[in-house]
Protein backbone atom coordinates (compact mmCIF):
# COMPACT_ATOMS: atom_id res chain seq x y z
CA MET A 1 0.00 0.00 0.00
CA VAL A 2 1.14 3.54 -0.78
CA ASP A 3 -0.24 6.05 1.73
CA ARG A 4 0.14 9.73 2.59
CA THR A 5 3.28 9.08 4.65
CA ARG A 6 5.17 8.15 1.48
CA VAL A 7 7.49 10.75 0.04
CA LEU A 8 9.16 10.35 -3.35
CA ARG A 9 12.40 12.21 -4.00
CA THR A 10 14.07 12.98 -7.29
CA PRO A 11 17.25 14.99 -7.88
CA ARG A 12 15.35 18.30 -7.86
CA LEU A 13 11.89 17.53 -6.49
CA VAL A 14 9.98 16.07 -3.57
CA LEU A 15 6.55 14.53 -4.18
CA ARG A 16 4.34 14.47 -1.09
CA ALA A 17 0.72 14.27 -0.03
CA PHE A 18 -1.29 17.48 -0.13
CA VAL A 19 -1.89 19.43 3.09
CA SER A 20 -4.27 22.27 3.89
CA ALA A 21 -1.43 24.82 3.67
CA ASP A 22 -1.20 24.11 -0.08
CA LEU A 23 -4.31 26.17 -0.83
CA ASP A 24 -2.55 29.34 -1.98
CA PRO A 25 0.01 27.71 -4.30
CA LEU A 26 -2.60 25.33 -5.70
CA HIS A 27 -4.97 28.23 -6.37
CA ALA A 28 -2.13 30.14 -8.06
CA ILE A 29 -1.87 27.25 -10.52
CA ARG A 30 -5.47 26.16 -11.01
CA SER A 31 -6.89 29.68 -11.38
CA ARG A 32 -4.88 30.34 -14.55
CA GLU A 33 -6.44 30.22 -18.00
CA ASP A 34 -3.25 28.91 -19.63
CA VAL A 35 -3.01 26.01 -17.15
CA ASN A 36 -6.60 24.94 -17.84
CA ARG A 37 -6.48 25.36 -21.63
CA TYR A 38 -6.23 21.61 -22.29
CA LEU A 39 -7.86 20.32 -19.10
CA TYR A 40 -11.50 19.47 -18.45
CA GLU A 41 -11.79 22.21 -15.82
CA ARG A 42 -12.06 25.95 -16.26
CA PRO A 43 -10.01 28.35 -14.10
CA MET A 44 -11.07 27.80 -10.50
CA SER A 45 -12.03 30.21 -7.77
CA ARG A 46 -10.35 30.03 -4.39
CA GLU A 47 -13.47 28.30 -3.04
CA ASP A 48 -13.38 25.70 -5.83
CA VAL A 49 -9.71 25.00 -5.19
CA ALA A 50 -10.33 24.69 -1.45
CA ALA A 51 -12.98 22.03 -2.15
CA LYS A 52 -10.65 20.18 -4.54
CA LEU A 53 -7.83 20.32 -2.01
CA ALA A 54 -10.02 18.88 0.74
CA GLU A 55 -10.98 16.07 -1.62
CA ARG A 56 -7.34 15.36 -2.44
CA ILE A 57 -6.43 15.17 1.24
CA GLU A 58 -9.40 12.96 2.09
CA ARG A 59 -9.71 10.64 -0.90
CA TYR A 60 -6.56 10.76 -3.04
CA SER A 61 -3.66 10.14 -0.71
CA THR A 62 -3.64 6.32 -0.69
CA LEU A 63 -3.17 3.51 -3.19
CA ALA A 64 -4.54 0.46 -1.40
CA GLU A 65 -6.41 -1.37 -4.15
CA PRO A 66 -7.34 -1.12 -7.82
CA GLY A 67 -9.65 1.83 -8.37
CA ASP A 68 -7.64 4.14 -6.11
CA THR A 69 -5.98 7.35 -7.29
CA LEU A 70 -2.91 8.95 -5.74
CA ARG A 71 -2.48 12.72 -6.15
CA LEU A 72 0.76 14.26 -4.93
CA ALA A 73 2.04 17.82 -4.66
CA VAL A 74 5.19 18.48 -6.67
CA THR A 75 7.61 20.61 -4.65
CA LEU A 76 11.09 21.92 -5.28
CA ARG A 77 13.73 20.44 -3.00
CA ASP A 78 15.16 23.02 -0.63
CA ALA A 79 18.83 23.27 0.33
CA ASP A 80 18.38 20.47 2.86
CA GLY A 81 16.58 18.20 0.40
CA GLU A 82 13.19 18.81 2.03
CA PRO A 83 9.91 19.86 0.35
CA GLY A 84 9.87 23.52 -0.63
CA GLU A 85 7.74 25.53 -3.04
CA VAL A 86 4.72 23.76 -4.58
CA ILE A 87 4.99 23.97 -8.37
CA GLY A 88 2.36 21.49 -9.50
CA ASP A 89 0.83 18.09 -8.96
CA VAL A 90 0.99 14.56 -10.37
CA ASN A 91 -1.41 11.67 -10.18
CA LEU A 92 -1.49 7.93 -10.66
CA HIS A 93 -4.80 6.12 -11.19
CA TRP A 94 -4.77 2.35 -10.63
CA HIS A 95 -7.48 0.90 -12.87
CA GLN A 96 -9.79 -1.83 -11.69
CA GLY A 97 -10.08 -5.16 -13.49
CA GLU A 98 -7.86 -7.96 -14.64
CA HIS A 99 -6.01 -5.94 -17.27
CA LYS A 100 -3.43 -4.45 -14.86
CA GLN A 101 -3.53 -0.88 -16.15
CA ALA A 102 -2.59 2.48 -14.66
CA GLU A 103 -2.70 6.07 -15.88
CA VAL A 104 -0.54 9.06 -15.03
CA GLY A 105 -1.26 12.77 -15.21
CA TYR A 106 0.50 16.02 -14.31
CA VAL A 107 -0.04 19.77 -14.06
CA LEU A 108 2.76 22.28 -13.61
CA HIS A 109 2.85 26.03 -13.01
CA PRO A 110 3.90 27.66 -16.33
CA ASP A 111 6.73 29.51 -14.58
CA HIS A 112 8.40 26.13 -14.13
CA ALA A 113 7.61 24.66 -17.55
CA GLY A 114 10.32 23.74 -20.03
CA LYS A 115 12.79 22.60 -17.36
CA GLY A 116 12.04 18.88 -17.34
CA PHE A 117 10.15 19.00 -14.04
CA ALA A 118 7.00 17.31 -15.37
CA THR A 119 8.99 14.34 -16.66
CA GLU A 120 11.05 14.16 -13.48
CA ALA A 121 7.92 14.26 -11.31
CA THR A 122 5.99 11.67 -13.31
CA ARG A 123 8.79 9.11 -13.69
CA PRO A 124 8.58 7.89 -10.05
CA LEU A 125 4.86 7.22 -10.48
CA VAL A 126 5.45 5.09 -13.57
CA GLU A 127 8.17 3.25 -11.66
CA LEU A 128 5.85 2.74 -8.69
CA ALA A 129 3.08 1.42 -10.93
CA PHE A 130 5.33 -1.22 -12.45
CA THR A 131 7.39 -2.25 -9.43
CA GLU A 132 4.89 -1.97 -6.57
CA LEU A 133 1.44 -2.24 -8.14
CA GLY A 134 2.53 -4.84 -10.66
CA VAL A 135 0.68 -3.29 -13.58
CA HIS A 136 1.25 -4.40 -17.16
CA ARG A 137 0.71 -1.05 -18.90
CA VAL A 138 0.85 2.62 -17.94
CA CYS A 139 -0.76 5.22 -20.16
CA GLY A 140 -1.19 8.95 -20.43
CA ARG A 141 -4.16 10.62 -22.16
CA LEU A 142 -4.17 14.22 -23.31
CA ASP A 143 -5.74 16.78 -25.59
CA ALA A 144 -3.95 16.13 -28.88
CA ARG A 145 -3.15 19.84 -29.24
CA ASN A 146 -1.05 19.79 -26.08
CA LEU A 147 2.31 19.16 -27.69
CA ALA A 148 4.30 20.03 -24.56
CA SER A 149 2.46 17.34 -22.60
CA ALA A 150 3.05 14.84 -25.41
CA ARG A 151 6.80 15.50 -25.15
CA VAL A 152 6.68 14.65 -21.44
CA LEU A 153 5.20 11.24 -22.18
CA GLU A 154 7.67 10.64 -24.99
CA LYS A 155 10.56 11.44 -22.64
CA LEU A 156 9.14 8.80 -20.29
CA GLY A 157 9.54 6.25 -23.07
CA MET A 158 5.86 6.08 -23.98
CA ARG A 159 4.79 5.62 -27.58
CA ARG A 160 1.83 7.27 -29.23
CA GLU A 161 -0.79 4.55 -29.59
CA ALA A 162 -3.86 6.44 -30.75
CA HIS A 163 -5.21 9.72 -32.02
CA LEU A 164 -8.95 9.80 -31.46
CA ARG A 165 -10.72 12.35 -33.64
CA GLU A 166 -13.25 14.61 -31.91
CA ASN A 167 -14.06 11.95 -29.33
CA GLU A 168 -14.82 14.35 -26.45
CA TRP A 169 -16.97 17.46 -26.05
CA VAL A 170 -14.95 19.70 -23.73
CA LYS A 171 -15.82 23.26 -22.77
CA GLY A 172 -18.01 23.86 -25.79
CA GLU A 173 -15.93 22.23 -28.50
CA TRP A 174 -15.10 18.82 -29.92
CA THR A 175 -11.54 17.85 -29.06
CA ASP A 176 -9.14 15.17 -30.23
CA GLU A 177 -7.48 12.89 -27.70
CA ALA A 178 -4.03 11.33 -27.94
CA VAL A 179 -3.10 8.20 -26.02
CA TYR A 180 0.46 7.26 -25.08
CA ALA A 181 1.57 4.13 -23.23
CA VAL A 182 4.46 1.92 -22.18
CA LEU A 183 4.45 -1.75 -21.18
CA ASP A 184 6.26 -3.20 -18.20
CA ARG A 185 8.75 -5.07 -20.39
CA GLU A 186 9.43 -1.89 -22.37
CA TRP A 187 10.21 0.17 -19.29
CA ASP A 188 13.91 0.56 -19.83
CA THR A 189 16.14 -0.63 -17.01
CA ALA A 190 17.78 2.79 -16.97
CA ASN A 191 14.52 4.18 -15.59
CA ARG A 192 14.39 1.85 -12.62
CA GLY A 193 15.51 3.24 -9.30
CA SER A 194 15.44 6.82 -10.52
CA SER A 195 13.27 7.86 -7.55
CA THR A 196 14.16 7.35 -3.92
CA PRO A 197 11.13 6.50 -1.78
CA ASP A 198 11.30 7.69 1.80
CA VAL A 199 8.76 5.67 3.78
């Protein structure tokens, strides 16, 4: 089981469970039009973000069984290697059923985009899915126009498996969806051990 006491460390980041003090930095991210351009949500009010944060703390801080979703705050490591500024969030959804599937997602503050943080933050979740959850396949789904997000998945070693034409009605328009994925046996050995769990 992965619970809220788990911390994942990378060379530049610390991934940890959300806490109530994350309201301001989370609102600073989720209230932006550019952040929400390719997401299902519209820019959120402080009240909306507070409700989402409470939900993340209550429901999305544990992976105990298929069907669970883990959502972690992405923070910059401070000089002592401890969690610092919140710059985004990542999630891992463990699908139910016999097919052994999982899905990753990520959102980053634009001020920190283009520095490899999204790839660095998501890699430990892919690793966790394969090594601890024992899944067969990890995927990422995105609005096909979001080329920056596609590059993140490609850097993780995922291949583009599908481009679904106008398969979703999102915020008043038909949108295309791209699907990327990697199989357990394709997960290069160089990726393994790239995160350091601190239980």
